[in-house]
C-alpha cells in the first residue's frame, strides 16, 4: 500500500512512459463522452483517476498533472474517440477512472469507454492500480519503474 491523500499525486516513472494517479476525493460524478452517448460515472472518494503518458520528459509530467486537474477540479469530461479516429495516433496522454484500472499496450489510445482499462507503454503492460482507503495498491509494477508522491493541489 502506498499512502495517497486527495492533495497528492503519485507519479510512476518508467523508461518510456509515465503514469500519474490521484484520488477522486469529494468529486463523485464524472462524465464520459463517447461517440454514441454520455455516461455518468459515479465514483467513491477512494477511487482513482489515472493518466498514462507516452513519454518521460518534464512536459509529459506537467501534462499529466494538468489533465488530472482539468478532470477532477474543473469537471472536464473524459473523452472516448471512435477506434478509427485519426487523433488516436496523436494522443500523448490518456485517462481512466475507477476503483481498479489496468494498463494495456494492446489497445488503441483514447477509445475505451470501459474505465477500468487504460492504454499504456509496453513496460506497464498489466499494471493494476487499485484505489484503497487512504492510498493506492500497485500490482505488477515493473522492476525498472520508480515512483514518487508530489503535491497535486
C-alpha atoms as a PDB file:
ATOM      1  CA  UNK A   1       0.000   0.000   0.000  1.00  0.00           C
ATOM      2  CA  UNK A   2       1.247   3.453  -0.917  1.00  0.00           C
ATOM      3  CA  UNK A   3      -0.319   6.277   1.119  1.00  0.00           C
ATOM      4  CA  UNK A   4      -2.005   8.935  -1.038  1.00  0.00           C
ATOM      5  CA  UNK A   5      -4.181  11.842   0.084  1.00  0.00           C
ATOM      6  CA  UNK A   6      -6.538  13.923  -2.064  1.00  0.00           C
ATOM      7  CA  UNK A   7      -3.952  16.729  -2.194  1.00  0.00           C
ATOM      8  CA  UNK A   8      -1.226  14.455  -3.585  1.00  0.00           C
ATOM      9  CA  UNK A   9      -0.386  12.817  -6.904  1.00  0.00           C
ATOM     10  CA  UNK A  10       1.540   9.572  -7.258  1.00  0.00           C
ATOM     11  CA  UNK A  11       3.840   9.530 -10.304  1.00  0.00           C
ATOM     12  CA  UNK A  12       5.283   6.299 -11.723  1.00  0.00           C
ATOM     13  CA  UNK A  13       8.398   6.800 -13.849  1.00  0.00           C
ATOM     14  CA  UNK A  14       9.273   4.171 -16.426  1.00  0.00           C
ATOM     15  CA  UNK A  15      11.898   4.105 -19.142  1.00  0.00           C
ATOM     16  CA  UNK A  16       9.435   5.026 -21.942  1.00  0.00           C
ATOM     17  CA  UNK A  17       6.261   6.131 -20.162  1.00  0.00           C
ATOM     18  CA  UNK A  18       4.886   7.910 -17.119  1.00  0.00           C
ATOM     19  CA  UNK A  19       1.731   7.240 -15.103  1.00  0.00           C
ATOM     20  CA  UNK A  20       0.092   9.657 -12.654  1.00  0.00           C
ATOM     21  CA  UNK A  21      -2.579   8.806 -10.083  1.00  0.00           C
ATOM     22  CA  UNK A  22      -4.842  10.964  -7.918  1.00  0.00           C
ATOM     23  CA  UNK A  23      -7.689  10.081  -5.589  1.00  0.00           C
ATOM     24  CA  UNK A  24     -11.203  11.048  -6.661  1.00  0.00           C
ATOM     25  CA  UNK A  25     -11.912  12.687  -3.296  1.00  0.00           C
ATOM     26  CA  UNK A  26     -15.184  14.588  -2.944  1.00  0.00           C
ATOM     27  CA  UNK A  27     -15.891  14.619  -6.688  1.00  0.00           C
ATOM     28  CA  UNK A  28     -18.283  11.710  -7.051  1.00  0.00           C
ATOM     29  CA  UNK A  29     -19.611  12.119 -10.597  1.00  0.00           C
ATOM     30  CA  UNK A  30     -17.702  12.337 -13.858  1.00  0.00           C
ATOM     31  CA  UNK A  31     -18.956  12.436 -17.424  1.00  0.00           C
ATOM     32  CA  UNK A  32     -17.660  10.036 -20.068  1.00  0.00           C
ATOM     33  CA  UNK A  33     -18.386  11.299 -23.587  1.00  0.00           C
ATOM     34  CA  UNK A  34     -18.473   8.562 -26.231  1.00  0.00           C
ATOM     35  CA  UNK A  35     -19.339   8.910 -29.923  1.00  0.00           C
ATOM     36  CA  UNK A  36     -22.820   7.492 -29.158  1.00  0.00           C
ATOM     37  CA  UNK A  37     -23.767   8.672 -25.695  1.00  0.00           C
ATOM     38  CA  UNK A  38     -22.900  10.425 -22.472  1.00  0.00           C
ATOM     39  CA  UNK A  39     -22.249   8.203 -19.447  1.00  0.00           C
ATOM     40  CA  UNK A  40     -22.413   9.423 -15.846  1.00  0.00           C
ATOM     41  CA  UNK A  41     -19.668   7.674 -13.924  1.00  0.00           C
ATOM     42  CA  UNK A  42     -20.292   7.526 -10.165  1.00  0.00           C
ATOM     43  CA  UNK A  43     -17.156   7.046  -8.078  1.00  0.00           C
ATOM     44  CA  UNK A  44     -16.227   6.820  -4.400  1.00  0.00           C
ATOM     45  CA  UNK A  45     -13.713   9.025  -2.576  1.00  0.00           C
ATOM     46  CA  UNK A  46     -11.018   6.325  -2.516  1.00  0.00           C
ATOM     47  CA  UNK A  47     -11.319   5.528  -6.239  1.00  0.00           C
ATOM     48  CA  UNK A  48      -8.623   6.840  -8.574  1.00  0.00           C
ATOM     49  CA  UNK A  49      -8.112   8.909 -11.690  1.00  0.00           C
ATOM     50  CA  UNK A  50      -5.154   7.541 -13.658  1.00  0.00           C
ATOM     51  CA  UNK A  51      -3.382   9.317 -16.521  1.00  0.00           C
ATOM     52  CA  UNK A  52      -0.935   7.487 -18.759  1.00  0.00           C
ATOM     53  CA  UNK A  53       1.673   9.470 -20.667  1.00  0.00           C
ATOM     54  CA  UNK A  54       3.609   8.279 -23.691  1.00  0.00           C
ATOM     55  CA  UNK A  55       6.995   9.746 -22.799  1.00  0.00           C
ATOM     56  CA  UNK A  56       9.176  10.547 -19.813  1.00  0.00           C
ATOM     57  CA  UNK A  57      10.113  14.201 -20.144  1.00  0.00           C
ATOM     58  CA  UNK A  58       9.052  17.130 -17.975  1.00  0.00           C
ATOM     59  CA  UNK A  59       6.361  18.174 -20.481  1.00  0.00           C
ATOM     60  CA  UNK A  60       4.631  14.802 -20.079  1.00  0.00           C
ATOM     61  CA  UNK A  61       4.804  15.020 -16.267  1.00  0.00           C
ATOM     62  CA  UNK A  62       3.322  18.534 -16.326  1.00  0.00           C
ATOM     63  CA  UNK A  63       0.672  17.419 -18.837  1.00  0.00           C
ATOM     64  CA  UNK A  64      -0.394  14.503 -16.640  1.00  0.00           C
ATOM     65  CA  UNK A  65      -0.955  16.823 -13.690  1.00  0.00           C
ATOM     66  CA  UNK A  66      -2.798  19.313 -15.892  1.00  0.00           C
ATOM     67  CA  UNK A  67      -5.127  16.690 -17.402  1.00  0.00           C
ATOM     68  CA  UNK A  68      -5.924  15.188 -13.999  1.00  0.00           C
ATOM     69  CA  UNK A  69      -6.596  18.673 -12.616  1.00  0.00           C
ATOM     70  CA  UNK A  70      -8.901  19.518 -15.543  1.00  0.00           C
ATOM     71  CA  UNK A  71     -10.930  16.353 -14.991  1.00  0.00           C
ATOM     72  CA  UNK A  72     -11.100  16.338 -11.196  1.00  0.00           C
ATOM     73  CA  UNK A  73     -11.131  20.030 -10.308  1.00  0.00           C
ATOM     74  CA  UNK A  74     -12.641  21.672 -13.407  1.00  0.00           C
ATOM     75  CA  UNK A  75     -15.006  18.750 -14.120  1.00  0.00           C
ATOM     76  CA  UNK A  76     -13.940  18.345 -17.753  1.00  0.00           C
ATOM     77  CA  UNK A  77     -15.385  15.159 -19.273  1.00  0.00           C
ATOM     78  CA  UNK A  78     -13.440  12.047 -20.155  1.00  0.00           C
ATOM     79  CA  UNK A  79     -13.496  11.790 -23.964  1.00  0.00           C
ATOM     80  CA  UNK A  80     -13.725   8.455 -25.815  1.00  0.00           C
ATOM     81  CA  UNK A  81     -12.874   8.510 -29.528  1.00  0.00           C
ATOM     82  CA  UNK A  82     -14.026   6.039 -32.192  1.00  0.00           C
ATOM     83  CA  UNK A  83     -11.364   3.357 -32.860  1.00  0.00           C
ATOM     84  CA  UNK A  84     -10.608   4.686 -36.363  1.00  0.00           C
ATOM     85  CA  UNK A  85     -10.386   8.373 -35.376  1.00  0.00           C
ATOM     86  CA  UNK A  86      -7.159   9.980 -36.665  1.00  0.00           C
ATOM     87  CA  UNK A  87      -6.470  11.676 -33.295  1.00  0.00           C
ATOM     88  CA  UNK A  88      -5.805   8.311 -31.603  1.00  0.00           C
ATOM     89  CA  UNK A  89      -2.355   8.289 -33.244  1.00  0.00           C
ATOM     90  CA  UNK A  90      -1.511  11.719 -31.806  1.00  0.00           C
ATOM     91  CA  UNK A  91      -2.674  11.298 -28.202  1.00  0.00           C
ATOM     92  CA  UNK A  92       0.212  11.696 -25.746  1.00  0.00           C
ATOM     93  CA  UNK A  93      -1.925  11.354 -22.587  1.00  0.00           C
ATOM     94  CA  UNK A  94      -4.995   9.207 -21.877  1.00  0.00           C
ATOM     95  CA  UNK A  95      -7.093   8.872 -18.707  1.00  0.00           C
ATOM     96  CA  UNK A  96      -9.274   6.300 -16.934  1.00  0.00           C
ATOM     97  CA  UNK A  97     -11.124   6.336 -13.607  1.00  0.00           C
ATOM     98  CA  UNK A  98     -12.445   3.814 -11.126  1.00  0.00           C
ATOM     99  CA  UNK A  99     -11.712   1.582  -8.165  1.00  0.00           C
ATOM    100  CA  UNK A 100      -9.424  -0.568 -10.358  1.00  0.00           C
ATOM    101  CA  UNK A 101      -7.559   0.462 -13.514  1.00  0.00           C
ATOM    102  CA  UNK A 102      -5.427  -1.940 -15.591  1.00  0.00           C
ATOM    103  CA  UNK A 103      -2.907  -0.732 -18.168  1.00  0.00           C
ATOM    104  CA  UNK A 104      -2.593  -2.378 -21.576  1.00  0.00           C
ATOM    105  CA  UNK A 105      -0.403  -1.632 -24.571  1.00  0.00           C
ATOM    106  CA  UNK A 106      -2.663  -3.787 -26.775  1.00  0.00           C
ATOM    107  CA  UNK A 107      -5.487  -1.261 -27.119  1.00  0.00           C
ATOM    108  CA  UNK A 108      -5.933   1.912 -29.156  1.00  0.00           C
ATOM    109  CA  UNK A 109      -5.340   5.052 -27.036  1.00  0.00           C
ATOM    110  CA  UNK A 110      -8.464   7.001 -26.093  1.00  0.00           C
ATOM    111  CA  UNK A 111     -11.024   4.553 -27.476  1.00  0.00           C
ATOM    112  CA  UNK A 112     -12.265   2.569 -24.470  1.00  0.00           C
ATOM    113  CA  UNK A 113     -15.393   3.672 -22.608  1.00  0.00           C
ATOM    114  CA  UNK A 114     -14.730   0.873 -20.087  1.00  0.00           C
ATOM    115  CA  UNK A 115     -12.943   2.951 -17.482  1.00  0.00           C
ATOM    116  CA  UNK A 116     -11.126   0.014 -15.897  1.00  0.00           C
ATOM    117  CA  UNK A 117      -8.853  -0.272 -18.979  1.00  0.00           C
ATOM    118  CA  UNK A 118      -6.188   2.274 -19.920  1.00  0.00           C
ATOM    119  CA  UNK A 119      -3.644   2.341 -22.726  1.00  0.00           C
ATOM    120  CA  UNK A 120      -0.035   2.499 -21.578  1.00  0.00           C
ATOM    121  CA  UNK A 121       3.507   1.867 -22.714  1.00  0.00           C
ATOM    122  CA  UNK A 122       4.605  -1.801 -23.019  1.00  0.00           C
ATOM    123  CA  UNK A 123       6.674  -1.608 -19.826  1.00  0.00           C
ATOM    124  CA  UNK A 124       3.439  -1.015 -17.862  1.00  0.00           C
ATOM    125  CA  UNK A 125       1.503  -3.882 -19.536  1.00  0.00           C
ATOM    126  CA  UNK A 126      -0.770  -5.493 -16.946  1.00  0.00           C
ATOM    127  CA  UNK A 127      -0.060  -2.948 -14.200  1.00  0.00           C
ATOM    128  CA  UNK A 128      -3.077  -2.922 -11.906  1.00  0.00           C
ATOM    129  CA  UNK A 129      -3.880   0.191  -9.872  1.00  0.00           C
ATOM    130  CA  UNK A 130      -6.363  -0.154  -7.032  1.00  0.00           C
ATOM    131  CA  UNK A 131      -7.875   2.730  -5.096  1.00  0.00           C
ATOM    132  CA  UNK A 132      -7.959   1.727  -1.447  1.00  0.00           C
ATOM    133  CA  UNK A 133      -8.674   3.587   1.776  1.00  0.00           C
ATOM    134  CA  UNK A 134      -6.018   6.296   2.308  1.00  0.00           C
ATOM    135  CA  UNK A 135      -3.884   5.177  -0.619  1.00  0.00           C
ATOM    136  CA  UNK A 136      -3.343   3.006  -3.658  1.00  0.00           C
ATOM    137  CA  UNK A 137      -2.149  -0.515  -4.257  1.00  0.00           C
ATOM    138  CA  UNK A 138       0.013  -1.296  -7.290  1.00  0.00           C
ATOM    139  CA  UNK A 139       0.173  -4.841  -8.654  1.00  0.00           C
ATOM    140  CA  UNK A 140       2.659  -5.772 -11.361  1.00  0.00           C
ATOM    141  CA  UNK A 141       4.853  -2.666 -11.208  1.00  0.00           C
ATOM    142  CA  UNK A 142       7.916  -3.211 -13.424  1.00  0.00           C
ATOM    143  CA  UNK A 143      11.338  -3.587 -11.744  1.00  0.00           C
ATOM    144  CA  UNK A 144      12.809  -0.616 -13.591  1.00  0.00           C
ATOM    145  CA  UNK A 145       9.982   1.750 -12.591  1.00  0.00           C
ATOM    146  CA  UNK A 146      10.269   4.190  -9.724  1.00  0.00           C
ATOM    147  CA  UNK A 147       7.612   6.296  -8.074  1.00  0.00           C
ATOM    148  CA  UNK A 148       7.269   9.499  -6.099  1.00  0.00           C
ATOM    149  CA  UNK A 149       4.491  11.397  -4.394  1.00  0.00           C
ATOM    150  CA  UNK A 150       4.084  15.055  -5.384  1.00  0.00           C
ATOM    151  CA  UNK A 151       1.784  17.848  -4.350  1.00  0.00           C
ATOM    152  CA  UNK A 152      -1.352  17.933  -6.521  1.00  0.00           C
ATOM    153  CA  UNK A 153      -3.180  20.963  -5.156  1.00  0.00           C
END
